[in-house]
Amino acid sequence: MSDAAALCQLARTHGALSIVDVVTSLGGAPVLVDTWGADAVYGGSQKCLSCTPGLALVTLSPRCSSQGPSAQSAKLVSGSYARHDLLERW
């Protein structure tokens, strides 16, 4: 496994958001989102958790959530727009 904390810190020092994929490790290894300082973390249900496939587990930091899409980026990244729309409705 990669050193998520070091990689998240590296991203932050360069002004970038960090995204951590825990699809295969969720449920089998510690997922320390706050300790790592990760901006976005996503996992799936079908690997280590052995649950029904197709479920996504996602967490976003306040820093990441505040980076809502502009009208320009919404056209390019429709998933991000859907996420932002969902957060607004929630």
N, C-alpha and C. Protein backbone atom coordinates (compact mmCIF):
# COMPACT_ATOMS: atom_id res chain seq x y z
N MET A 1 0.84 -1.18 0.00
CA MET A 1 0.00 0.00 0.00
C MET A 1 0.88 1.24 0.00
N SER A 2 0.37 2.29 -0.59
CA SER A 2 1.08 3.56 -0.63
C SER A 2 0.97 4.29 0.70
N ASP A 3 1.87 5.23 0.91
CA ASP A 3 1.83 6.07 2.11
C ASP A 3 0.86 7.21 1.83
N ALA A 4 -0.41 6.99 2.14
CA ALA A 4 -1.46 7.96 1.81
C ALA A 4 -1.21 9.31 2.47
N ALA A 5 -0.75 9.31 3.71
CA ALA A 5 -0.51 10.58 4.42
C ALA A 5 0.54 11.41 3.70
N ALA A 6 1.63 10.79 3.28
CA ALA A 6 2.70 11.51 2.59
C ALA A 6 2.22 12.03 1.24
N LEU A 7 1.45 11.23 0.53
CA LEU A 7 0.96 11.65 -0.78
C LEU A 7 -0.07 12.78 -0.66
N CYS A 8 -0.92 12.71 0.35
CA CYS A 8 -1.90 13.79 0.57
C CYS A 8 -1.19 15.09 0.94
N GLN A 9 -0.15 14.99 1.76
CA GLN A 9 0.63 16.17 2.14
C GLN A 9 1.33 16.75 0.92
N LEU A 10 1.88 15.90 0.07
CA LEU A 10 2.54 16.36 -1.15
C LEU A 10 1.56 17.12 -2.04
N ALA A 11 0.37 16.58 -2.20
CA ALA A 11 -0.66 17.26 -3.00
C ALA A 11 -0.98 18.63 -2.42
N ARG A 12 -1.15 18.67 -1.11
CA ARG A 12 -1.50 19.92 -0.43
C ARG A 12 -0.40 20.98 -0.61
N THR A 13 0.87 20.57 -0.51
CA THR A 13 1.97 21.53 -0.66
C THR A 13 2.01 22.13 -2.06
N HIS A 14 1.44 21.43 -3.03
CA HIS A 14 1.40 21.93 -4.41
C HIS A 14 0.05 22.55 -4.75
N GLY A 15 -0.81 22.72 -3.75
CA GLY A 15 -2.10 23.35 -3.97
C GLY A 15 -3.12 22.47 -4.67
N ALA A 16 -2.87 21.17 -4.67
CA ALA A 16 -3.78 20.23 -5.33
C ALA A 16 -4.65 19.51 -4.30
N LEU A 17 -5.79 19.05 -4.74
CA LEU A 17 -6.64 18.21 -3.91
C LEU A 17 -6.15 16.77 -4.01
N SER A 18 -6.32 16.01 -2.95
CA SER A 18 -5.90 14.60 -2.97
C SER A 18 -7.13 13.70 -3.04
N ILE A 19 -6.99 12.62 -3.79
CA ILE A 19 -8.03 11.60 -3.90
C ILE A 19 -7.40 10.26 -3.57
N VAL A 20 -7.99 9.54 -2.62
CA VAL A 20 -7.45 8.25 -2.20
C VAL A 20 -8.45 7.16 -2.55
N ASP A 21 -7.98 6.16 -3.26
CA ASP A 21 -8.79 5.00 -3.66
C ASP A 21 -8.58 3.91 -2.61
N VAL A 22 -9.65 3.58 -1.86
CA VAL A 22 -9.58 2.52 -0.85
C VAL A 22 -10.51 1.36 -1.22
N VAL A 23 -10.77 1.19 -2.51
CA VAL A 23 -11.72 0.17 -2.97
C VAL A 23 -11.33 -1.21 -2.46
N THR A 24 -10.07 -1.59 -2.61
CA THR A 24 -9.67 -2.95 -2.21
C THR A 24 -9.25 -3.06 -0.75
N SER A 25 -8.95 -1.95 -0.10
CA SER A 25 -8.48 -2.03 1.29
C SER A 25 -9.55 -1.74 2.34
N LEU A 26 -10.64 -1.12 1.96
CA LEU A 26 -11.70 -0.77 2.90
C LEU A 26 -12.25 -2.02 3.58
N GLY A 27 -12.11 -2.07 4.88
CA GLY A 27 -12.55 -3.23 5.65
C GLY A 27 -11.43 -4.20 5.97
N GLY A 28 -10.28 -4.03 5.32
CA GLY A 28 -9.16 -4.93 5.56
C GLY A 28 -7.93 -4.22 6.09
N ALA A 29 -7.92 -2.91 5.98
CA ALA A 29 -6.81 -2.09 6.46
C ALA A 29 -7.40 -0.79 7.01
N PRO A 30 -6.70 -0.16 7.94
CA PRO A 30 -7.22 1.10 8.49
C PRO A 30 -7.37 2.17 7.40
N VAL A 31 -8.49 2.86 7.42
CA VAL A 31 -8.74 3.98 6.51
C VAL A 31 -8.83 5.22 7.40
N LEU A 32 -7.74 5.97 7.43
CA LEU A 32 -7.58 7.10 8.36
C LEU A 32 -7.69 8.43 7.62
N VAL A 33 -8.86 8.70 7.13
CA VAL A 33 -9.10 9.86 6.27
C VAL A 33 -8.59 11.16 6.90
N ASP A 34 -8.97 11.44 8.13
CA ASP A 34 -8.55 12.69 8.78
C ASP A 34 -7.06 12.71 9.08
N THR A 35 -6.52 11.59 9.51
CA THR A 35 -5.08 11.50 9.79
C THR A 35 -4.27 11.73 8.52
N TRP A 36 -4.73 11.17 7.42
CA TRP A 36 -4.04 11.35 6.14
C TRP A 36 -4.17 12.78 5.62
N GLY A 37 -5.24 13.47 5.99
CA GLY A 37 -5.51 14.79 5.43
C GLY A 37 -6.03 14.69 4.01
N ALA A 38 -6.73 13.61 3.71
CA ALA A 38 -7.24 13.37 2.36
C ALA A 38 -8.43 14.28 2.07
N ASP A 39 -8.51 14.75 0.83
CA ASP A 39 -9.62 15.60 0.43
C ASP A 39 -10.81 14.78 -0.06
N ALA A 40 -10.55 13.70 -0.74
CA ALA A 40 -11.63 12.83 -1.22
C ALA A 40 -11.16 11.38 -1.09
N VAL A 41 -12.03 10.55 -0.56
CA VAL A 41 -11.72 9.13 -0.41
C VAL A 41 -12.93 8.36 -0.91
N TYR A 42 -12.68 7.34 -1.71
CA TYR A 42 -13.79 6.52 -2.19
C TYR A 42 -13.45 5.05 -2.07
N GLY A 43 -14.47 4.27 -1.82
CA GLY A 43 -14.30 2.83 -1.71
C GLY A 43 -15.51 2.12 -2.30
N GLY A 44 -15.39 0.83 -2.39
CA GLY A 44 -16.49 0.03 -2.93
C GLY A 44 -16.87 -1.05 -1.95
N SER A 45 -18.02 -1.59 -2.17
CA SER A 45 -18.57 -2.59 -1.24
C SER A 45 -18.18 -4.02 -1.57
N GLN A 46 -17.75 -4.26 -2.80
CA GLN A 46 -17.62 -5.64 -3.27
C GLN A 46 -16.29 -6.32 -2.95
N LYS A 47 -15.29 -5.60 -2.57
CA LYS A 47 -13.98 -6.22 -2.34
C LYS A 47 -13.88 -6.78 -0.93
N CYS A 48 -13.11 -6.13 -0.09
CA CYS A 48 -12.84 -6.64 1.26
C CYS A 48 -14.09 -6.73 2.13
N LEU A 49 -15.06 -5.86 1.90
CA LEU A 49 -16.29 -5.89 2.69
C LEU A 49 -17.20 -7.06 2.28
N SER A 50 -16.98 -7.60 1.08
CA SER A 50 -17.77 -8.72 0.55
C SER A 50 -19.27 -8.45 0.58
N CYS A 51 -19.64 -7.24 0.24
CA CYS A 51 -21.05 -6.86 0.18
C CYS A 51 -21.51 -6.83 -1.28
N THR A 52 -22.73 -6.46 -1.47
CA THR A 52 -23.30 -6.35 -2.80
C THR A 52 -22.48 -5.37 -3.64
N PRO A 53 -22.10 -5.75 -4.85
CA PRO A 53 -21.35 -4.83 -5.70
C PRO A 53 -22.23 -3.67 -6.16
N GLY A 54 -21.57 -2.58 -6.48
CA GLY A 54 -22.28 -1.43 -7.01
C GLY A 54 -22.52 -0.31 -6.02
N LEU A 55 -22.16 -0.52 -4.76
CA LEU A 55 -22.31 0.53 -3.76
C LEU A 55 -20.99 1.29 -3.64
N ALA A 56 -21.07 2.60 -3.61
CA ALA A 56 -19.88 3.43 -3.47
C ALA A 56 -19.92 4.15 -2.14
N LEU A 57 -18.80 4.17 -1.48
CA LEU A 57 -18.64 4.90 -0.22
C LEU A 57 -17.69 6.06 -0.50
N VAL A 58 -18.15 7.27 -0.24
CA VAL A 58 -17.38 8.47 -0.58
C VAL A 58 -17.39 9.44 0.59
N THR A 59 -16.24 10.04 0.85
CA THR A 59 -16.17 11.12 1.84
C THR A 59 -15.38 12.27 1.22
N LEU A 60 -15.83 13.49 1.49
CA LEU A 60 -15.18 14.68 0.96
C LEU A 60 -14.84 15.62 2.11
N SER A 61 -13.65 16.18 2.06
CA SER A 61 -13.26 17.17 3.07
C SER A 61 -13.98 18.48 2.79
N PRO A 62 -14.06 19.36 3.78
CA PRO A 62 -14.64 20.69 3.53
C PRO A 62 -13.91 21.42 2.41
N ARG A 63 -12.60 21.25 2.35
CA ARG A 63 -11.80 21.89 1.29
C ARG A 63 -12.24 21.40 -0.08
N CYS A 64 -12.51 20.12 -0.20
CA CYS A 64 -12.94 19.54 -1.47
C CYS A 64 -14.38 19.95 -1.78
N SER A 65 -15.24 19.91 -0.79
CA SER A 65 -16.65 20.25 -0.99
C SER A 65 -16.83 21.70 -1.42
N SER A 66 -15.94 22.57 -0.97
CA SER A 66 -16.06 23.99 -1.32
C SER A 66 -15.61 24.27 -2.75
N GLN A 67 -15.04 23.28 -3.40
CA GLN A 67 -14.56 23.44 -4.77
C GLN A 67 -15.64 23.03 -5.77
N GLY A 68 -16.85 23.54 -5.59
CA GLY A 68 -17.97 23.20 -6.48
C GLY A 68 -17.64 23.55 -7.92
N PRO A 69 -18.29 22.88 -8.83
CA PRO A 69 -17.99 23.10 -10.25
C PRO A 69 -18.54 24.43 -10.75
N SER A 70 -17.81 25.04 -11.64
CA SER A 70 -18.32 26.22 -12.33
C SER A 70 -19.16 25.73 -13.50
N ALA A 71 -19.80 26.62 -14.18
CA ALA A 71 -20.61 26.22 -15.34
C ALA A 71 -19.73 25.56 -16.40
N GLN A 72 -18.48 26.03 -16.53
CA GLN A 72 -17.57 25.45 -17.52
C GLN A 72 -17.17 24.03 -17.15
N SER A 73 -16.75 23.83 -15.89
CA SER A 73 -16.27 22.50 -15.51
C SER A 73 -17.40 21.50 -15.40
N ALA A 74 -18.62 21.96 -15.14
CA ALA A 74 -19.75 21.03 -15.01
C ALA A 74 -19.99 20.30 -16.32
N LYS A 75 -19.71 20.95 -17.43
CA LYS A 75 -19.89 20.30 -18.74
C LYS A 75 -18.84 19.22 -18.95
N LEU A 76 -17.65 19.43 -18.40
CA LEU A 76 -16.56 18.49 -18.59
C LEU A 76 -16.60 17.34 -17.60
N VAL A 77 -17.03 17.60 -16.39
CA VAL A 77 -17.01 16.59 -15.34
C VAL A 77 -18.41 16.45 -14.77
N SER A 78 -19.25 15.72 -15.49
CA SER A 78 -20.65 15.64 -15.08
C SER A 78 -20.82 14.96 -13.73
N GLY A 79 -19.94 14.01 -13.37
CA GLY A 79 -20.03 13.35 -12.07
C GLY A 79 -19.82 14.33 -10.94
N SER A 80 -18.89 15.27 -11.14
CA SER A 80 -18.64 16.29 -10.13
C SER A 80 -19.85 17.20 -9.99
N TYR A 81 -20.48 17.53 -11.11
CA TYR A 81 -21.68 18.36 -11.06
C TYR A 81 -22.79 17.64 -10.32
N ALA A 82 -22.95 16.36 -10.60
CA ALA A 82 -23.99 15.58 -9.93
C ALA A 82 -23.73 15.54 -8.43
N ARG A 83 -22.47 15.39 -8.03
CA ARG A 83 -22.12 15.38 -6.62
C ARG A 83 -22.47 16.72 -5.98
N HIS A 84 -22.12 17.81 -6.66
CA HIS A 84 -22.39 19.13 -6.12
C HIS A 84 -23.90 19.35 -6.00
N ASP A 85 -24.64 18.95 -7.00
CA ASP A 85 -26.10 19.08 -6.98
C ASP A 85 -26.68 18.27 -5.83
N LEU A 86 -26.17 17.08 -5.62
CA LEU A 86 -26.64 16.23 -4.52
C LEU A 86 -26.37 16.89 -3.17
N LEU A 87 -25.18 17.46 -3.01
CA LEU A 87 -24.84 18.13 -1.75
C LEU A 87 -25.76 19.32 -1.50
N GLU A 88 -26.09 20.06 -2.57
CA GLU A 88 -26.98 21.20 -2.41
C GLU A 88 -28.37 20.76 -1.97
N ARG A 89 -28.85 19.65 -2.51
CA ARG A 89 -30.18 19.16 -2.18
C ARG A 89 -30.22 18.49 -0.81
N TRP A 90 -29.11 17.92 -0.40
CA TRP A 90 -29.06 17.18 0.87
C TRP A 90 -29.33 18.14 1.99
